[in-house]
Amino acid sequence: MSSMASADANSGLKVEIVSEPDLGTGLPLNEVKPGDYIRIDYKGYVGGFGKEMIDSSEKSGPMQLQVGVGAKEGIAGIKSKTIYKLPVLAGVDQACLGKKMGTRLRIEIPAALAFGPNGGETGTGTKVPPGTTVFYEVRLRSRVFSGLLDKPQENFLEIDQVAKFNKLLGIE
């Protein structure tokens, strides 16, 4: 199931919902709101989806970020010895707002909401050319509470509990 969630004619941001969790029980799933700390899996490309990869949570681990507050940086690599400071792209930030945990998105992000007219660098070192539109596949994994602690936190649930909860939601 795939649907275009939104396209902003002014900014050029395009967000497609690839899948959403459905508990089938009528239980509401809270939507991501400004100020939430979330963890996402992501893959970023230039040239289109599946083309030249610029970054991925397969390199850095899931990214933890605060959404809807203009944050410029998130972190990843919490489980490894390398902590990555990753740029929070305005397009990813905007696309995650209002979505449910477990939602998978495909996002086309114009340069103005990505690395800008001067280009930039991903948190894992890939250079992005000036004025480049980037394409991201994102899965909203979980909410985290690191903002309360002012430091990275592995997870608010044990890993096996997260796996069980994801299985309940139909997220693999």
C-alpha atoms as a PDB file:
ATOM      1  CA  MET A   1       0.000   0.000   0.000  1.00  0.00           C
ATOM      2  CA  SER A   2       1.508   3.305  -1.056  1.00  0.00           C
ATOM      3  CA  SER A   3       0.016   6.750  -1.068  1.00  0.00           C
ATOM      4  CA  MET A   4       1.206  10.280  -1.610  1.00  0.00           C
ATOM      5  CA  ALA A   5       0.868  11.859   1.819  1.00  0.00           C
ATOM      6  CA  SER A   6       1.817  15.336   0.767  1.00  0.00           C
ATOM      7  CA  ALA A   7       3.527  17.501  -1.762  1.00  0.00           C
ATOM      8  CA  ASP A   8       4.353  21.091  -0.879  1.00  0.00           C
ATOM      9  CA  ALA A   9       4.260  23.177  -4.066  1.00  0.00           C
ATOM     10  CA  ASN A  10       6.049  26.073  -2.337  1.00  0.00           C
ATOM     11  CA  SER A  11       9.028  24.109  -1.005  1.00  0.00           C
ATOM     12  CA  GLY A  12       9.049  21.171  -3.430  1.00  0.00           C
ATOM     13  CA  LEU A  13       9.051  18.602  -0.611  1.00  0.00           C
ATOM     14  CA  LYS A  14       7.330  15.341  -1.628  1.00  0.00           C
ATOM     15  CA  VAL A  15       6.425  12.694   0.940  1.00  0.00           C
ATOM     16  CA  GLU A  16       5.062   9.262   0.055  1.00  0.00           C
ATOM     17  CA  ILE A  17       3.769   6.907   2.747  1.00  0.00           C
ATOM     18  CA  VAL A  18       4.983   3.450   1.749  1.00  0.00           C
ATOM     19  CA  SER A  19       3.364   1.673   4.699  1.00  0.00           C
ATOM     20  CA  GLU A  20       1.786   2.414   8.065  1.00  0.00           C
ATOM     21  CA  PRO A  21       1.292   0.118  11.042  1.00  0.00           C
ATOM     22  CA  ASP A  22      -2.230  -1.124  11.607  1.00  0.00           C
ATOM     23  CA  LEU A  23      -2.933  -2.841  14.889  1.00  0.00           C
ATOM     24  CA  GLY A  24      -6.378  -3.853  13.731  1.00  0.00           C
ATOM     25  CA  THR A  25      -7.637  -3.339  17.269  1.00  0.00           C
ATOM     26  CA  GLY A  26      -8.836   0.225  17.068  1.00  0.00           C
ATOM     27  CA  LEU A  27      -6.054   1.291  19.424  1.00  0.00           C
ATOM     28  CA  PRO A  28      -4.793   4.742  18.543  1.00  0.00           C
ATOM     29  CA  LEU A  29      -1.135   5.148  17.689  1.00  0.00           C
ATOM     30  CA  ASN A  30       0.181   8.528  18.724  1.00  0.00           C
ATOM     31  CA  GLU A  31       1.507  10.693  15.956  1.00  0.00           C
ATOM     32  CA  VAL A  32       4.918  12.332  16.122  1.00  0.00           C
ATOM     33  CA  LYS A  33       4.590  15.907  17.331  1.00  0.00           C
ATOM     34  CA  PRO A  34       7.037  18.841  17.599  1.00  0.00           C
ATOM     35  CA  GLY A  35       9.547  18.290  20.383  1.00  0.00           C
ATOM     36  CA  ASP A  36       9.437  14.468  20.264  1.00  0.00           C
ATOM     37  CA  TYR A  37      12.721  12.592  20.235  1.00  0.00           C
ATOM     38  CA  ILE A  38      12.555   9.750  17.737  1.00  0.00           C
ATOM     39  CA  ARG A  39      14.827   7.120  16.234  1.00  0.00           C
ATOM     40  CA  ILE A  40      14.733   6.419  12.505  1.00  0.00           C
ATOM     41  CA  ASP A  41      16.285   4.043   9.996  1.00  0.00           C
ATOM     42  CA  TYR A  42      17.220   5.823   6.786  1.00  0.00           C
ATOM     43  CA  LYS A  43      18.849   5.540   3.368  1.00  0.00           C
ATOM     44  CA  GLY A  44      19.782   8.663   1.423  1.00  0.00           C
ATOM     45  CA  TYR A  45      20.427   8.908  -2.308  1.00  0.00           C
ATOM     46  CA  VAL A  46      21.204  11.411  -5.032  1.00  0.00           C
ATOM     47  CA  GLY A  47      19.881  10.931  -8.559  1.00  0.00           C
ATOM     48  CA  GLY A  48      16.721   9.150  -7.380  1.00  0.00           C
ATOM     49  CA  PHE A  49      15.710   6.294  -5.113  1.00  0.00           C
ATOM     50  CA  GLY A  50      18.146   3.394  -5.322  1.00  0.00           C
ATOM     51  CA  LYS A  51      20.728   5.415  -7.273  1.00  0.00           C
ATOM     52  CA  GLU A  52      23.936   6.778  -5.708  1.00  0.00           C
ATOM     53  CA  MET A  53      23.802   6.207  -1.949  1.00  0.00           C
ATOM     54  CA  ILE A  54      25.037   9.062   0.202  1.00  0.00           C
ATOM     55  CA  ASP A  55      24.283   7.698   3.662  1.00  0.00           C
ATOM     56  CA  SER A  56      22.465   4.926   5.478  1.00  0.00           C
ATOM     57  CA  SER A  57      21.656   3.716   8.965  1.00  0.00           C
ATOM     58  CA  GLU A  58      23.439   0.531   7.816  1.00  0.00           C
ATOM     59  CA  LYS A  59      26.677   2.578   8.143  1.00  0.00           C
ATOM     60  CA  SER A  60      25.887   4.574  11.262  1.00  0.00           C
ATOM     61  CA  GLY A  61      23.053   2.773  13.019  1.00  0.00           C
ATOM     62  CA  PRO A  62      19.634   4.361  13.572  1.00  0.00           C
ATOM     63  CA  MET A  63      19.557   8.131  13.844  1.00  0.00           C
ATOM     64  CA  GLN A  64      18.156   9.772  16.952  1.00  0.00           C
ATOM     65  CA  LEU A  65      16.782  13.300  16.519  1.00  0.00           C
ATOM     66  CA  GLN A  66      14.367  15.796  17.962  1.00  0.00           C
ATOM     67  CA  VAL A  67      11.700  16.788  15.428  1.00  0.00           C
ATOM     68  CA  GLY A  68       9.767  19.960  14.828  1.00  0.00           C
ATOM     69  CA  VAL A  69      12.070  22.301  16.744  1.00  0.00           C
ATOM     70  CA  GLY A  70      14.609  23.225  14.066  1.00  0.00           C
ATOM     71  CA  ALA A  71      17.303  20.829  15.313  1.00  0.00           C
ATOM     72  CA  LYS A  72      20.330  20.858  13.010  1.00  0.00           C
ATOM     73  CA  GLU A  73      22.026  17.734  14.352  1.00  0.00           C
ATOM     74  CA  GLY A  74      21.112  14.228  15.443  1.00  0.00           C
ATOM     75  CA  ILE A  75      23.233  11.308  16.615  1.00  0.00           C
ATOM     76  CA  ALA A  76      23.785   7.706  15.618  1.00  0.00           C
ATOM     77  CA  GLY A  77      26.198   4.916  16.453  1.00  0.00           C
ATOM     78  CA  ILE A  78      25.066   4.562  20.036  1.00  0.00           C
ATOM     79  CA  LYS A  79      25.804   0.821  20.043  1.00  0.00           C
ATOM     80  CA  SER A  80      29.168   1.119  18.293  1.00  0.00           C
ATOM     81  CA  LYS A  81      32.380   2.776  19.417  1.00  0.00           C
ATOM     82  CA  THR A  82      31.842   5.591  16.916  1.00  0.00           C
ATOM     83  CA  ILE A  83      29.233   8.225  17.666  1.00  0.00           C
ATOM     84  CA  TYR A  84      28.160  10.001  14.490  1.00  0.00           C
ATOM     85  CA  LYS A  85      26.811  13.532  14.548  1.00  0.00           C
ATOM     86  CA  LEU A  86      24.430  13.634  11.607  1.00  0.00           C
ATOM     87  CA  PRO A  87      22.794  16.646   9.996  1.00  0.00           C
ATOM     88  CA  VAL A  88      19.026  16.782  10.463  1.00  0.00           C
ATOM     89  CA  LEU A  89      17.645  17.714   7.062  1.00  0.00           C
ATOM     90  CA  ALA A  90      14.661  20.053   7.284  1.00  0.00           C
ATOM     91  CA  GLY A  91      12.854  17.860   4.730  1.00  0.00           C
ATOM     92  CA  VAL A  92      13.220  14.717   6.882  1.00  0.00           C
ATOM     93  CA  ASP A  93      12.181  16.671   9.979  1.00  0.00           C
ATOM     94  CA  GLN A  94       9.027  17.962   8.288  1.00  0.00           C
ATOM     95  CA  ALA A  95       8.166  14.580   6.739  1.00  0.00           C
ATOM     96  CA  CYS A  96       8.240  12.759  10.117  1.00  0.00           C
ATOM     97  CA  LEU A  97       5.841  15.142  11.854  1.00  0.00           C
ATOM     98  CA  GLY A  98       2.325  13.746  12.184  1.00  0.00           C
ATOM     99  CA  LYS A  99       3.362  10.190  11.275  1.00  0.00           C
ATOM    100  CA  LYS A 100       2.953   7.061  13.437  1.00  0.00           C
ATOM    101  CA  MET A 101       5.802   4.918  14.717  1.00  0.00           C
ATOM    102  CA  GLY A 102       6.482   2.140  12.230  1.00  0.00           C
ATOM    103  CA  THR A 103       5.557   4.264   9.205  1.00  0.00           C
ATOM    104  CA  ARG A 104       7.821   3.926   6.168  1.00  0.00           C
ATOM    105  CA  LEU A 105       8.317   6.986   3.965  1.00  0.00           C
ATOM    106  CA  ARG A 106       9.935   7.916   0.671  1.00  0.00           C
ATOM    107  CA  ILE A 107      10.884  11.577   0.671  1.00  0.00           C
ATOM    108  CA  GLU A 108      12.075  13.752  -2.203  1.00  0.00           C
ATOM    109  CA  ILE A 109      13.857  16.706  -0.626  1.00  0.00           C
ATOM    110  CA  PRO A 110      14.785  19.793  -2.652  1.00  0.00           C
ATOM    111  CA  ALA A 111      18.194  21.366  -1.969  1.00  0.00           C
ATOM    112  CA  ALA A 112      16.695  24.178   0.118  1.00  0.00           C
ATOM    113  CA  LEU A 113      15.411  21.595   2.655  1.00  0.00           C
ATOM    114  CA  ALA A 114      18.455  19.319   2.338  1.00  0.00           C
ATOM    115  CA  PHE A 115      22.105  20.377   2.072  1.00  0.00           C
ATOM    116  CA  GLY A 116      21.384  23.789   0.531  1.00  0.00           C
ATOM    117  CA  PRO A 117      22.777  25.777  -2.387  1.00  0.00           C
ATOM    118  CA  ASN A 118      26.373  25.186  -1.248  1.00  0.00           C
ATOM    119  CA  GLY A 119      26.039  21.434  -0.744  1.00  0.00           C
ATOM    120  CA  GLY A 120      27.357  19.770   2.357  1.00  0.00           C
ATOM    121  CA  GLU A 121      28.535  16.589   3.972  1.00  0.00           C
ATOM    122  CA  THR A 122      26.678  13.697   5.556  1.00  0.00           C
ATOM    123  CA  GLY A 123      27.572  12.650   9.066  1.00  0.00           C
ATOM    124  CA  THR A 124      29.518   9.683   7.692  1.00  0.00           C
ATOM    125  CA  GLY A 125      31.609  11.848   5.342  1.00  0.00           C
ATOM    126  CA  THR A 126      29.959  11.719   1.912  1.00  0.00           C
ATOM    127  CA  LYS A 127      30.041  15.055   0.092  1.00  0.00           C
ATOM    128  CA  VAL A 128      26.741  16.228  -1.432  1.00  0.00           C
ATOM    129  CA  PRO A 129      27.100  18.593  -4.413  1.00  0.00           C
ATOM    130  CA  PRO A 130      25.668  22.136  -4.300  1.00  0.00           C
ATOM    131  CA  GLY A 131      21.962  22.507  -5.083  1.00  0.00           C
ATOM    132  CA  THR A 132      21.302  18.751  -4.993  1.00  0.00           C
ATOM    133  CA  THR A 133      17.845  17.245  -4.527  1.00  0.00           C
ATOM    134  CA  VAL A 134      18.178  14.196  -2.288  1.00  0.00           C
ATOM    135  CA  PHE A 135      15.935  11.181  -1.849  1.00  0.00           C
ATOM    136  CA  TYR A 136      15.432   9.440   1.492  1.00  0.00           C
ATOM    137  CA  GLU A 137      13.730   6.231   2.562  1.00  0.00           C
ATOM    138  CA  VAL A 138      12.864   6.484   6.251  1.00  0.00           C
ATOM    139  CA  ARG A 139      11.277   4.184   8.829  1.00  0.00           C
ATOM    140  CA  LEU A 140      10.176   5.693  12.123  1.00  0.00           C
ATOM    141  CA  ARG A 141      11.467   3.160  14.672  1.00  0.00           C
ATOM    142  CA  SER A 142      10.669   4.425  18.151  1.00  0.00           C
ATOM    143  CA  ARG A 143      10.357   7.343  20.508  1.00  0.00           C
ATOM    144  CA  VAL A 144      13.288   7.919  22.864  1.00  0.00           C
ATOM    145  CA  PHE A 145      13.604  10.010  25.969  1.00  0.00           C
ATOM    146  CA  SER A 146      17.196  11.201  25.689  1.00  0.00           C
ATOM    147  CA  GLY A 147      16.068  14.817  25.786  1.00  0.00           C
ATOM    148  CA  LEU A 148      15.185  14.362  29.427  1.00  0.00           C
ATOM    149  CA  LEU A 149      18.681  13.119  30.202  1.00  0.00           C
ATOM    150  CA  ASP A 150      20.637  15.532  27.974  1.00  0.00           C
ATOM    151  CA  LYS A 151      22.771  12.662  26.673  1.00  0.00           C
ATOM    152  CA  PRO A 152      22.409   9.716  24.277  1.00  0.00           C
ATOM    153  CA  GLN A 153      20.304   6.859  25.580  1.00  0.00           C
ATOM    154  CA  GLU A 154      20.299   3.405  24.018  1.00  0.00           C
ATOM    155  CA  ASN A 155      16.578   2.847  24.257  1.00  0.00           C
ATOM    156  CA  PHE A 156      13.679   3.231  26.602  1.00  0.00           C
ATOM    157  CA  LEU A 157      12.868  -0.467  26.126  1.00  0.00           C
ATOM    158  CA  GLU A 158      15.172  -3.440  26.126  1.00  0.00           C
ATOM    159  CA  ILE A 159      16.055  -4.659  22.634  1.00  0.00           C
ATOM    160  CA  ASP A 160      13.991  -7.857  22.947  1.00  0.00           C
ATOM    161  CA  GLN A 161      10.966  -5.812  24.059  1.00  0.00           C
ATOM    162  CA  VAL A 162      11.352  -3.536  21.027  1.00  0.00           C
ATOM    163  CA  ALA A 163      11.512  -6.586  18.748  1.00  0.00           C
ATOM    164  CA  LYS A 164       8.356  -8.026  20.330  1.00  0.00           C
ATOM    165  CA  PHE A 165       6.518  -4.708  20.047  1.00  0.00           C
ATOM    166  CA  ASN A 166       7.619  -4.285  16.415  1.00  0.00           C
ATOM    167  CA  LYS A 167       6.403  -7.813  15.652  1.00  0.00           C
ATOM    168  CA  LEU A 168       3.025  -6.954  17.201  1.00  0.00           C
ATOM    169  CA  LEU A 169       2.872  -3.892  14.923  1.00  0.00           C
ATOM    170  CA  GLY A 170       3.886  -5.929  11.889  1.00  0.00           C
ATOM    171  CA  ILE A 171       7.211  -4.111  11.580  1.00  0.00           C
ATOM    172  CA  GLU A 172      10.221  -6.202  10.681  1.00  0.00           C
END
